[in-house]
All heavy atoms as atom14 arrays in JSON, in Angstrom:
{
  "sequence": "LYLVGDIVDLWWMAQRRARWSAAHNRVVEALHALRRAGTEIVYVPG",
  "atom14_mask": [
    [1, 1, 1, 1, 1, 1, 1, 1, 0, 0, 0, 0, 0, 0],
    [1, 1, 1, 1, 1, 1, 1, 1, 1, 1, 1, 1, 0, 0],
    [1, 1, 1, 1, 1, 1, 1, 1, 0, 0, 0, 0, 0, 0],
    [1, 1, 1, 1, 1, 1, 1, 0, 0, 0, 0, 0, 0, 0],
    [1, 1, 1, 1, 0, 0, 0, 0, 0, 0, 0, 0, 0, 0],
    [1, 1, 1, 1, 1, 1, 1, 1, 0, 0, 0, 0, 0, 0],
    [1, 1, 1, 1, 1, 1, 1, 1, 0, 0, 0, 0, 0, 0],
    [1, 1, 1, 1, 1, 1, 1, 0, 0, 0, 0, 0, 0, 0],
    [1, 1, 1, 1, 1, 1, 1, 1, 0, 0, 0, 0, 0, 0],
    [1, 1, 1, 1, 1, 1, 1, 1, 0, 0, 0, 0, 0, 0],
    [1, 1, 1, 1, 1, 1, 1, 1, 1, 1, 1, 1, 1, 1],
    [1, 1, 1, 1, 1, 1, 1, 1, 1, 1, 1, 1, 1, 1],
    [1, 1, 1, 1, 1, 1, 1, 1, 0, 0, 0, 0, 0, 0],
    [1, 1, 1, 1, 1, 0, 0, 0, 0, 0, 0, 0, 0, 0],
    [1, 1, 1, 1, 1, 1, 1, 1, 1, 0, 0, 0, 0, 0],
    [1, 1, 1, 1, 1, 1, 1, 1, 1, 1, 1, 0, 0, 0],
    [1, 1, 1, 1, 1, 1, 1, 1, 1, 1, 1, 0, 0, 0],
    [1, 1, 1, 1, 1, 0, 0, 0, 0, 0, 0, 0, 0, 0],
    [1, 1, 1, 1, 1, 1, 1, 1, 1, 1, 1, 0, 0, 0],
    [1, 1, 1, 1, 1, 1, 1, 1, 1, 1, 1, 1, 1, 1],
    [1, 1, 1, 1, 1, 1, 0, 0, 0, 0, 0, 0, 0, 0],
    [1, 1, 1, 1, 1, 0, 0, 0, 0, 0, 0, 0, 0, 0],
    [1, 1, 1, 1, 1, 0, 0, 0, 0, 0, 0, 0, 0, 0],
    [1, 1, 1, 1, 1, 1, 1, 1, 1, 1, 0, 0, 0, 0],
    [1, 1, 1, 1, 1, 1, 1, 1, 0, 0, 0, 0, 0, 0],
    [1, 1, 1, 1, 1, 1, 1, 1, 1, 1, 1, 0, 0, 0],
    [1, 1, 1, 1, 1, 1, 1, 0, 0, 0, 0, 0, 0, 0],
    [1, 1, 1, 1, 1, 1, 1, 0, 0, 0, 0, 0, 0, 0],
    [1, 1, 1, 1, 1, 1, 1, 1, 1, 0, 0, 0, 0, 0],
    [1, 1, 1, 1, 1, 0, 0, 0, 0, 0, 0, 0, 0, 0],
    [1, 1, 1, 1, 1, 1, 1, 1, 0, 0, 0, 0, 0, 0],
    [1, 1, 1, 1, 1, 1, 1, 1, 1, 1, 0, 0, 0, 0],
    [1, 1, 1, 1, 1, 0, 0, 0, 0, 0, 0, 0, 0, 0],
    [1, 1, 1, 1, 1, 1, 1, 1, 0, 0, 0, 0, 0, 0],
    [1, 1, 1, 1, 1, 1, 1, 1, 1, 1, 1, 0, 0, 0],
    [1, 1, 1, 1, 1, 1, 1, 1, 1, 1, 1, 0, 0, 0],
    [1, 1, 1, 1, 1, 0, 0, 0, 0, 0, 0, 0, 0, 0],
    [1, 1, 1, 1, 0, 0, 0, 0, 0, 0, 0, 0, 0, 0],
    [1, 1, 1, 1, 1, 1, 1, 0, 0, 0, 0, 0, 0, 0],
    [1, 1, 1, 1, 1, 1, 1, 1, 1, 0, 0, 0, 0, 0],
    [1, 1, 1, 1, 1, 1, 1, 1, 0, 0, 0, 0, 0, 0],
    [1, 1, 1, 1, 1, 1, 1, 0, 0, 0, 0, 0, 0, 0],
    [1, 1, 1, 1, 1, 1, 1, 1, 1, 1, 1, 1, 0, 0],
    [1, 1, 1, 1, 1, 1, 1, 0, 0, 0, 0, 0, 0, 0],
    [1, 1, 1, 1, 1, 1, 1, 0, 0, 0, 0, 0, 0, 0],
    [1, 1, 1, 1, 0, 0, 0, 0, 0, 0, 0, 0, 0, 0]
  ],
  "atom14_positions": [
    [[-18.54, -7.11, 53.23], [-18.64, -7.11, 51.75], [-19.76, -8.05, 51.38], [-19.7, -9.23, 51.65], [-17.32, -7.53, 51.13], [-17.33, -7.77, 49.59], [-17.66, -6.48, 48.86], [-15.97, -8.36, 49.13], [0.0, 0.0, 0.0], [0.0, 0.0, 0.0], [0.0, 0.0, 0.0], [0.0, 0.0, 0.0], [0.0, 0.0, 0.0], [0.0, 0.0, 0.0]],
    [[-20.77, -7.47, 50.69], [-21.87, -8.27, 50.14], [-21.56, -8.61, 48.72], [-21.38, -7.72, 47.89], [-23.21, -7.5, 50.26], [-23.74, -7.29, 51.6], [-23.48, -6.12, 52.33], [-24.51, -8.25, 52.25], [-24.01, -5.92, 53.57], [-25.06, -8.06, 53.5], [-24.79, -6.91, 54.17], [-25.31, -6.69, 55.43], [0.0, 0.0, 0.0], [0.0, 0.0, 0.0]],
    [[-21.55, -9.89, 48.38], [-21.42, -10.39, 47.03], [-22.84, -10.72, 46.56], [-23.39, -11.76, 46.95], [-20.48, -11.6, 46.96], [-19.09, -11.38, 47.5], [-18.3, -12.69, 47.48], [-18.34, -10.3, 46.72], [0.0, 0.0, 0.0], [0.0, 0.0, 0.0], [0.0, 0.0, 0.0], [0.0, 0.0, 0.0], [0.0, 0.0, 0.0], [0.0, 0.0, 0.0]],
    [[-23.43, -9.83, 45.76], [-24.89, -9.9, 45.52], [-25.19, -10.66, 44.22], [-25.92, -10.23, 43.34], [-25.46, -8.49, 45.5], [-27.02, -8.54, 45.61], [-24.94, -7.66, 46.69], [0.0, 0.0, 0.0], [0.0, 0.0, 0.0], [0.0, 0.0, 0.0], [0.0, 0.0, 0.0], [0.0, 0.0, 0.0], [0.0, 0.0, 0.0], [0.0, 0.0, 0.0]],
    [[-24.57, -11.84, 44.07], [-24.96, -12.76, 43.0], [-24.16, -12.63, 41.73], [-23.58, -11.62, 41.41], [0.0, 0.0, 0.0], [0.0, 0.0, 0.0], [0.0, 0.0, 0.0], [0.0, 0.0, 0.0], [0.0, 0.0, 0.0], [0.0, 0.0, 0.0], [0.0, 0.0, 0.0], [0.0, 0.0, 0.0], [0.0, 0.0, 0.0], [0.0, 0.0, 0.0]],
    [[-24.16, -13.78, 40.99], [-23.44, -13.9, 39.7], [-21.95, -13.55, 39.85], [-21.37, -12.86, 38.97], [-24.13, -13.05, 38.63], [-25.45, -13.6, 38.2], [-25.89, -14.65, 38.75], [-26.07, -13.0, 37.29], [0.0, 0.0, 0.0], [0.0, 0.0, 0.0], [0.0, 0.0, 0.0], [0.0, 0.0, 0.0], [0.0, 0.0, 0.0], [0.0, 0.0, 0.0]],
    [[-21.36, -14.01, 40.89], [-19.96, -13.75, 41.12], [-19.13, -14.73, 40.27], [-18.29, -14.25, 39.46], [-19.59, -13.92, 42.61], [-20.44, -12.99, 43.49], [-18.1, -13.62, 42.86], [-20.37, -11.52, 43.13], [0.0, 0.0, 0.0], [0.0, 0.0, 0.0], [0.0, 0.0, 0.0], [0.0, 0.0, 0.0], [0.0, 0.0, 0.0], [0.0, 0.0, 0.0]],
    [[-19.38, -16.02, 40.35], [-18.76, -16.99, 39.48], [-19.84, -17.41, 38.49], [-20.94, -17.84, 38.92], [-18.25, -18.22, 40.27], [-17.61, -19.23, 39.3], [-17.2, -17.78, 41.27], [0.0, 0.0, 0.0], [0.0, 0.0, 0.0], [0.0, 0.0, 0.0], [0.0, 0.0, 0.0], [0.0, 0.0, 0.0], [0.0, 0.0, 0.0], [0.0, 0.0, 0.0]],
    [[-19.57, -17.32, 37.2], [-20.58, -17.59, 36.19], [-20.63, -19.09, 35.87], [-20.09, -19.51, 34.89], [-20.34, -16.79, 34.93], [-21.56, -16.68, 34.06], [-22.38, -17.66, 34.09], [-21.76, -15.65, 33.37], [0.0, 0.0, 0.0], [0.0, 0.0, 0.0], [0.0, 0.0, 0.0], [0.0, 0.0, 0.0], [0.0, 0.0, 0.0], [0.0, 0.0, 0.0]],
    [[-21.25, -19.86, 36.79], [-21.33, -21.29, 36.6], [-22.17, -21.66, 35.37], [-21.91, -22.66, 34.72], [-21.94, -21.95, 37.84], [-21.11, -21.71, 39.15], [-21.87, -22.33, 40.33], [-19.74, -22.33, 39.05], [0.0, 0.0, 0.0], [0.0, 0.0, 0.0], [0.0, 0.0, 0.0], [0.0, 0.0, 0.0], [0.0, 0.0, 0.0], [0.0, 0.0, 0.0]],
    [[-23.17, -20.79, 35.03], [-23.97, -21.06, 33.87], [-23.13, -20.97, 32.6], [-23.18, -21.83, 31.72], [-25.11, -20.03, 33.78], [-25.98, -20.25, 32.56], [-27.07, -21.06, 32.43], [-25.82, -19.6, 31.29], [-27.57, -20.96, 31.18], [-26.84, -20.1, 30.46], [-24.89, -18.68, 30.79], [-26.97, -19.66, 29.13], [-25.02, -18.28, 29.47], [-26.05, -18.76, 28.64]],
    [[-22.31, -19.9, 32.49], [-21.44, -19.75, 31.34], [-20.45, -20.94, 31.21], [-20.25, -21.46, 30.13], [-20.68, -18.45, 31.41], [-19.72, -18.21, 30.28], [-18.48, -18.71, 30.15], [-19.93, -17.41, 29.11], [-17.89, -18.29, 28.96], [-18.76, -17.5, 28.31], [-20.99, -16.62, 28.67], [-18.68, -16.83, 27.1], [-20.89, -15.93, 27.46], [-19.7, -16.06, 26.67]],
    [[-19.88, -21.29, 32.33], [-18.85, -22.34, 32.33], [-19.45, -23.71, 31.97], [-18.77, -24.54, 31.39], [-18.21, -22.41, 33.7], [-17.44, -21.14, 34.07], [-16.9, -21.04, 35.78], [-15.56, -22.22, 35.8], [0.0, 0.0, 0.0], [0.0, 0.0, 0.0], [0.0, 0.0, 0.0], [0.0, 0.0, 0.0], [0.0, 0.0, 0.0], [0.0, 0.0, 0.0]],
    [[-20.74, -23.92, 32.24], [-21.41, -25.14, 31.85], [-21.86, -25.16, 30.39], [-21.83, -26.19, 29.74], [-22.63, -25.4, 32.75], [0.0, 0.0, 0.0], [0.0, 0.0, 0.0], [0.0, 0.0, 0.0], [0.0, 0.0, 0.0], [0.0, 0.0, 0.0], [0.0, 0.0, 0.0], [0.0, 0.0, 0.0], [0.0, 0.0, 0.0], [0.0, 0.0, 0.0]],
    [[-22.22, -23.96, 29.87], [-22.76, -23.86, 28.53], [-21.71, -23.56, 27.45], [-21.85, -23.95, 26.32], [-23.85, -22.75, 28.49], [-25.0, -22.99, 29.4], [-25.88, -24.13, 28.93], [-26.04, -24.39, 27.76], [-26.4, -24.9, 29.91], [0.0, 0.0, 0.0], [0.0, 0.0, 0.0], [0.0, 0.0, 0.0], [0.0, 0.0, 0.0], [0.0, 0.0, 0.0]],
    [[-20.65, -22.88, 27.86], [-19.64, -22.45, 26.92], [-18.27, -22.74, 27.47], [-18.12, -23.18, 28.58], [-19.79, -20.94, 26.65], [-21.09, -20.54, 25.95], [-21.16, -19.02, 25.86], [-22.3, -18.58, 25.03], [-23.5, -18.41, 25.4], [-23.81, -18.67, 26.7], [-24.46, -18.01, 24.6], [0.0, 0.0, 0.0], [0.0, 0.0, 0.0], [0.0, 0.0, 0.0]],
    [[-17.26, -22.39, 26.7], [-15.87, -22.62, 27.15], [-15.51, -21.62, 28.23], [-15.66, -20.43, 28.02], [-14.94, -22.44, 25.97], [-13.47, -22.75, 26.32], [-12.58, -22.61, 25.11], [-11.2, -22.82, 25.44], [-10.18, -22.71, 24.57], [-10.45, -22.38, 23.31], [-8.95, -22.91, 24.96], [0.0, 0.0, 0.0], [0.0, 0.0, 0.0], [0.0, 0.0, 0.0]],
    [[-15.08, -22.14, 29.39], [-14.71, -21.27, 30.49], [-13.47, -20.42, 30.13], [-12.55, -20.91, 29.5], [-14.43, -22.09, 31.76], [0.0, 0.0, 0.0], [0.0, 0.0, 0.0], [0.0, 0.0, 0.0], [0.0, 0.0, 0.0], [0.0, 0.0, 0.0], [0.0, 0.0, 0.0], [0.0, 0.0, 0.0], [0.0, 0.0, 0.0], [0.0, 0.0, 0.0]],
    [[-13.45, -19.22, 30.58], [-12.33, -18.34, 30.42], [-11.79, -17.97, 31.84], [-12.47, -17.25, 32.57], [-12.71, -17.03, 29.68], [-13.34, -17.27, 28.31], [-12.31, -17.84, 27.32], [-12.9, -18.04, 26.05], [-12.92, -17.12, 25.08], [-12.36, -15.9, 25.27], [-13.49, -17.38, 23.91], [0.0, 0.0, 0.0], [0.0, 0.0, 0.0], [0.0, 0.0, 0.0]],
    [[-10.66, -18.52, 32.17], [-10.12, -18.28, 33.53], [-8.62, -17.91, 33.41], [-7.82, -18.72, 33.06], [-10.28, -19.52, 34.45], [-10.17, -19.18, 35.86], [-9.02, -19.08, 36.58], [-11.24, -18.89, 36.77], [-9.29, -18.7, 37.89], [-10.68, -18.61, 38.05], [-12.62, -18.85, 36.66], [-11.42, -18.29, 39.13], [-13.36, -18.55, 37.78], [-12.79, -18.26, 39.0]],
    [[-8.34, -16.64, 33.71], [-6.99, -16.15, 33.5], [-6.32, -15.85, 34.88], [-6.97, -16.04, 35.91], [-7.02, -14.85, 32.69], [-7.66, -13.83, 33.4], [0.0, 0.0, 0.0], [0.0, 0.0, 0.0], [0.0, 0.0, 0.0], [0.0, 0.0, 0.0], [0.0, 0.0, 0.0], [0.0, 0.0, 0.0], [0.0, 0.0, 0.0], [0.0, 0.0, 0.0]],
    [[-5.11, -15.36, 34.83], [-4.41, -14.98, 36.05], [-5.17, -13.87, 36.77], [-5.17, -13.8, 38.0], [-3.0, -14.52, 35.74], [0.0, 0.0, 0.0], [0.0, 0.0, 0.0], [0.0, 0.0, 0.0], [0.0, 0.0, 0.0], [0.0, 0.0, 0.0], [0.0, 0.0, 0.0], [0.0, 0.0, 0.0], [0.0, 0.0, 0.0], [0.0, 0.0, 0.0]],
    [[-5.86, -12.99, 35.98], [-6.61, -11.91, 36.63], [-7.79, -12.46, 37.43], [-8.14, -11.92, 38.49], [-7.13, -10.96, 35.56], [0.0, 0.0, 0.0], [0.0, 0.0, 0.0], [0.0, 0.0, 0.0], [0.0, 0.0, 0.0], [0.0, 0.0, 0.0], [0.0, 0.0, 0.0], [0.0, 0.0, 0.0], [0.0, 0.0, 0.0], [0.0, 0.0, 0.0]],
    [[-8.44, -13.56, 36.97], [-9.49, -14.19, 37.71], [-8.97, -14.73, 39.01], [-9.62, -14.6, 40.06], [-10.13, -15.29, 36.9], [-10.95, -14.82, 35.71], [-10.36, -14.25, 34.59], [-12.27, -14.85, 35.46], [-11.3, -13.95, 33.73], [-12.46, -14.29, 34.22], [0.0, 0.0, 0.0], [0.0, 0.0, 0.0], [0.0, 0.0, 0.0], [0.0, 0.0, 0.0]],
    [[-7.76, -15.32, 38.99], [-7.14, -15.79, 40.22], [-6.9, -14.67, 41.17], [-7.05, -14.85, 42.39], [-5.83, -16.55, 39.88], [-6.07, -17.9, 39.26], [-7.12, -18.55, 39.51], [-5.13, -18.37, 38.45], [0.0, 0.0, 0.0], [0.0, 0.0, 0.0], [0.0, 0.0, 0.0], [0.0, 0.0, 0.0], [0.0, 0.0, 0.0], [0.0, 0.0, 0.0]],
    [[-6.49, -13.51, 40.64], [-6.18, -12.38, 41.55], [-7.45, -11.9, 42.24], [-7.39, -11.44, 43.38], [-5.56, -11.23, 40.75], [-4.13, -11.55, 40.26], [-3.37, -10.27, 39.92], [-4.0, -9.49, 38.89], [-3.78, -9.67, 37.59], [-2.98, -10.65, 37.18], [-4.39, -8.89, 36.69], [0.0, 0.0, 0.0], [0.0, 0.0, 0.0], [0.0, 0.0, 0.0]],
    [[-8.61, -11.97, 41.58], [-9.87, -11.61, 42.23], [-10.14, -12.52, 43.41], [-10.47, -12.04, 44.49], [-11.02, -11.66, 41.22], [-12.36, -11.51, 41.94], [-10.88, -10.62, 40.16], [0.0, 0.0, 0.0], [0.0, 0.0, 0.0], [0.0, 0.0, 0.0], [0.0, 0.0, 0.0], [0.0, 0.0, 0.0], [0.0, 0.0, 0.0], [0.0, 0.0, 0.0]],
    [[-10.0, -13.83, 43.21], [-10.22, -14.78, 44.28], [-9.21, -14.53, 45.4], [-9.62, -14.54, 46.64], [-10.11, -16.2, 43.73], [-10.26, -17.22, 44.89], [-11.2, -16.46, 42.73], [0.0, 0.0, 0.0], [0.0, 0.0, 0.0], [0.0, 0.0, 0.0], [0.0, 0.0, 0.0], [0.0, 0.0, 0.0], [0.0, 0.0, 0.0], [0.0, 0.0, 0.0]],
    [[-7.99, -14.29, 45.09], [-6.97, -14.05, 46.11], [-7.29, -12.78, 46.89], [-7.07, -12.71, 48.09], [-5.58, -13.97, 45.45], [-5.09, -15.28, 44.9], [-3.91, -15.13, 43.92], [-3.52, -13.98, 43.71], [-3.46, -16.15, 43.37], [0.0, 0.0, 0.0], [0.0, 0.0, 0.0], [0.0, 0.0, 0.0], [0.0, 0.0, 0.0], [0.0, 0.0, 0.0]],
    [[-7.77, -11.74, 46.18], [-8.06, -10.49, 46.85], [-9.25, -10.67, 47.82], [-9.26, -10.09, 48.9], [-8.43, -9.42, 45.81], [0.0, 0.0, 0.0], [0.0, 0.0, 0.0], [0.0, 0.0, 0.0], [0.0, 0.0, 0.0], [0.0, 0.0, 0.0], [0.0, 0.0, 0.0], [0.0, 0.0, 0.0], [0.0, 0.0, 0.0], [0.0, 0.0, 0.0]],
    [[-10.22, -11.49, 47.46], [-11.34, -11.77, 48.35], [-10.86, -12.51, 49.6], [-11.3, -12.2, 50.74], [-12.42, -12.59, 47.64], [-13.21, -11.83, 46.58], [-14.08, -12.78, 45.77], [-14.04, -10.69, 47.16], [0.0, 0.0, 0.0], [0.0, 0.0, 0.0], [0.0, 0.0, 0.0], [0.0, 0.0, 0.0], [0.0, 0.0, 0.0], [0.0, 0.0, 0.0]],
    [[-9.95, -13.5, 49.41], [-9.4, -14.2, 50.56], [-8.61, -13.26, 51.44], [-8.65, -13.31, 52.7], [-8.49, -15.35, 50.05], [-9.23, -16.56, 49.64], [-10.14, -17.22, 50.48], [-9.22, -17.25, 48.47], [-10.63, -18.28, 49.84], [-10.06, -18.3, 48.63], [0.0, 0.0, 0.0], [0.0, 0.0, 0.0], [0.0, 0.0, 0.0], [0.0, 0.0, 0.0]],
    [[-7.88, -12.3, 50.85], [-7.08, -11.34, 51.59], [-8.0, -10.45, 52.42], [-7.69, -10.12, 53.6], [-6.2, -10.52, 50.67], [0.0, 0.0, 0.0], [0.0, 0.0, 0.0], [0.0, 0.0, 0.0], [0.0, 0.0, 0.0], [0.0, 0.0, 0.0], [0.0, 0.0, 0.0], [0.0, 0.0, 0.0], [0.0, 0.0, 0.0], [0.0, 0.0, 0.0]],
    [[-9.11, -10.04, 51.9], [-10.04, -9.21, 52.66], [-10.61, -10.0, 53.83], [-10.71, -9.46, 54.94], [-11.19, -8.77, 51.73], [-10.91, -7.64, 50.78], [-12.05, -7.51, 49.74], [-10.71, -6.3, 51.52], [0.0, 0.0, 0.0], [0.0, 0.0, 0.0], [0.0, 0.0, 0.0], [0.0, 0.0, 0.0], [0.0, 0.0, 0.0], [0.0, 0.0, 0.0]],
    [[-10.96, -11.25, 53.6], [-11.5, -12.05, 54.72], [-10.45, -12.23, 55.81], [-10.74, -12.1, 57.02], [-11.96, -13.4, 54.17], [-12.68, -14.26, 55.22], [-13.17, -15.55, 54.55], [-12.08, -16.31, 53.98], [-11.33, -17.15, 54.69], [-11.55, -17.35, 55.98], [-10.37, -17.84, 54.11], [0.0, 0.0, 0.0], [0.0, 0.0, 0.0], [0.0, 0.0, 0.0]],
    [[-9.19, -12.49, 55.4], [-8.15, -12.63, 56.43], [-7.89, -11.35, 57.19], [-7.48, -11.37, 58.37], [-6.8, -13.1, 55.76], [-6.85, -14.54, 55.25], [-5.45, -15.01, 54.92], [-4.85, -14.22, 53.83], [-4.94, -14.51, 52.54], [-5.65, -15.57, 52.15], [-4.38, -13.74, 51.66], [0.0, 0.0, 0.0], [0.0, 0.0, 0.0], [0.0, 0.0, 0.0]],
    [[-8.12, -10.18, 56.51], [-7.91, -8.89, 57.16], [-9.05, -8.5, 58.09], [-8.99, -7.47, 58.73], [-7.72, -7.81, 56.08], [0.0, 0.0, 0.0], [0.0, 0.0, 0.0], [0.0, 0.0, 0.0], [0.0, 0.0, 0.0], [0.0, 0.0, 0.0], [0.0, 0.0, 0.0], [0.0, 0.0, 0.0], [0.0, 0.0, 0.0], [0.0, 0.0, 0.0]],
    [[-10.11, -9.3, 58.13], [-11.19, -9.07, 59.05], [-12.52, -8.69, 58.41], [-13.51, -8.47, 59.12], [0.0, 0.0, 0.0], [0.0, 0.0, 0.0], [0.0, 0.0, 0.0], [0.0, 0.0, 0.0], [0.0, 0.0, 0.0], [0.0, 0.0, 0.0], [0.0, 0.0, 0.0], [0.0, 0.0, 0.0], [0.0, 0.0, 0.0], [0.0, 0.0, 0.0]],
    [[-12.57, -8.6, 57.07], [-13.85, -8.26, 56.41], [-14.77, -9.47, 56.44], [-14.36, -10.59, 56.09], [-13.61, -7.87, 54.94], [-12.82, -6.68, 54.91], [-14.9, -7.65, 54.19], [0.0, 0.0, 0.0], [0.0, 0.0, 0.0], [0.0, 0.0, 0.0], [0.0, 0.0, 0.0], [0.0, 0.0, 0.0], [0.0, 0.0, 0.0], [0.0, 0.0, 0.0]],
    [[-15.99, -9.23, 56.86], [-17.03, -10.29, 56.82], [-17.6, -10.31, 55.4], [-17.96, -9.27, 54.85], [-18.16, -10.02, 57.82], [-19.23, -11.08, 57.77], [-20.43, -10.7, 58.6], [-20.49, -9.6, 59.14], [-21.34, -11.59, 58.72], [0.0, 0.0, 0.0], [0.0, 0.0, 0.0], [0.0, 0.0, 0.0], [0.0, 0.0, 0.0], [0.0, 0.0, 0.0]],
    [[-17.67, -11.5, 54.79], [-18.2, -11.64, 53.44], [-19.57, -12.36, 53.51], [-19.68, -13.4, 54.15], [-17.23, -12.42, 52.56], [-15.94, -11.62, 52.38], [-17.87, -12.7, 51.18], [-14.88, -12.34, 51.56], [0.0, 0.0, 0.0], [0.0, 0.0, 0.0], [0.0, 0.0, 0.0], [0.0, 0.0, 0.0], [0.0, 0.0, 0.0], [0.0, 0.0, 0.0]],
    [[-20.55, -11.72, 52.89], [-21.89, -12.34, 52.78], [-22.16, -12.57, 51.31], [-22.17, -11.64, 50.48], [-22.96, -11.4, 53.39], [-24.32, -12.1, 53.31], [-22.6, -11.02, 54.81], [0.0, 0.0, 0.0], [0.0, 0.0, 0.0], [0.0, 0.0, 0.0], [0.0, 0.0, 0.0], [0.0, 0.0, 0.0], [0.0, 0.0, 0.0], [0.0, 0.0, 0.0]],
    [[-22.42, -13.85, 50.96], [-22.65, -14.25, 49.57], [-24.13, -14.47, 49.35], [-24.74, -15.32, 50.01], [-21.84, -15.5, 49.27], [-21.58, -15.81, 47.79], [-20.42, -16.4, 47.4], [-22.52, -15.57, 46.81], [-20.17, -16.7, 46.06], [-22.32, -15.83, 45.49], [-21.12, -16.43, 45.15], [-20.89, -16.72, 43.8], [0.0, 0.0, 0.0], [0.0, 0.0, 0.0]],
    [[-24.73, -13.73, 48.43], [-26.16, -13.88, 48.06], [-26.16, -14.37, 46.61], [-26.05, -13.58, 45.7], [-26.9, -12.55, 48.2], [-28.39, -12.71, 47.86], [-26.78, -11.97, 49.65], [0.0, 0.0, 0.0], [0.0, 0.0, 0.0], [0.0, 0.0, 0.0], [0.0, 0.0, 0.0], [0.0, 0.0, 0.0], [0.0, 0.0, 0.0], [0.0, 0.0, 0.0]],
    [[-26.25, -15.69, 46.38], [-26.14, -16.2, 44.99], [-27.23, -15.69, 44.08], [-28.35, -15.4, 44.51], [-26.27, -17.74, 45.23], [-25.92, -17.98, 46.64], [-26.41, -16.77, 47.36], [0.0, 0.0, 0.0], [0.0, 0.0, 0.0], [0.0, 0.0, 0.0], [0.0, 0.0, 0.0], [0.0, 0.0, 0.0], [0.0, 0.0, 0.0], [0.0, 0.0, 0.0]],
    [[-26.88, -15.6, 42.78], [-27.79, -15.15, 41.77], [-28.2, -16.27, 40.84], [-28.05, -17.46, 41.18], [0.0, 0.0, 0.0], [0.0, 0.0, 0.0], [0.0, 0.0, 0.0], [0.0, 0.0, 0.0], [0.0, 0.0, 0.0], [0.0, 0.0, 0.0], [0.0, 0.0, 0.0], [0.0, 0.0, 0.0], [0.0, 0.0, 0.0], [0.0, 0.0, 0.0]]
  ]
}
């Protein structure tokens, strides 16, 4: 799985009020689950 940038919006979080809900946590958990299942993750920051 290639994460091709702007995955976590650090710019928005620094400039404006961060919005982080249970759904955002589920995204992070799903990425961890993929890695544990054997998916290689390549992060290309934006």
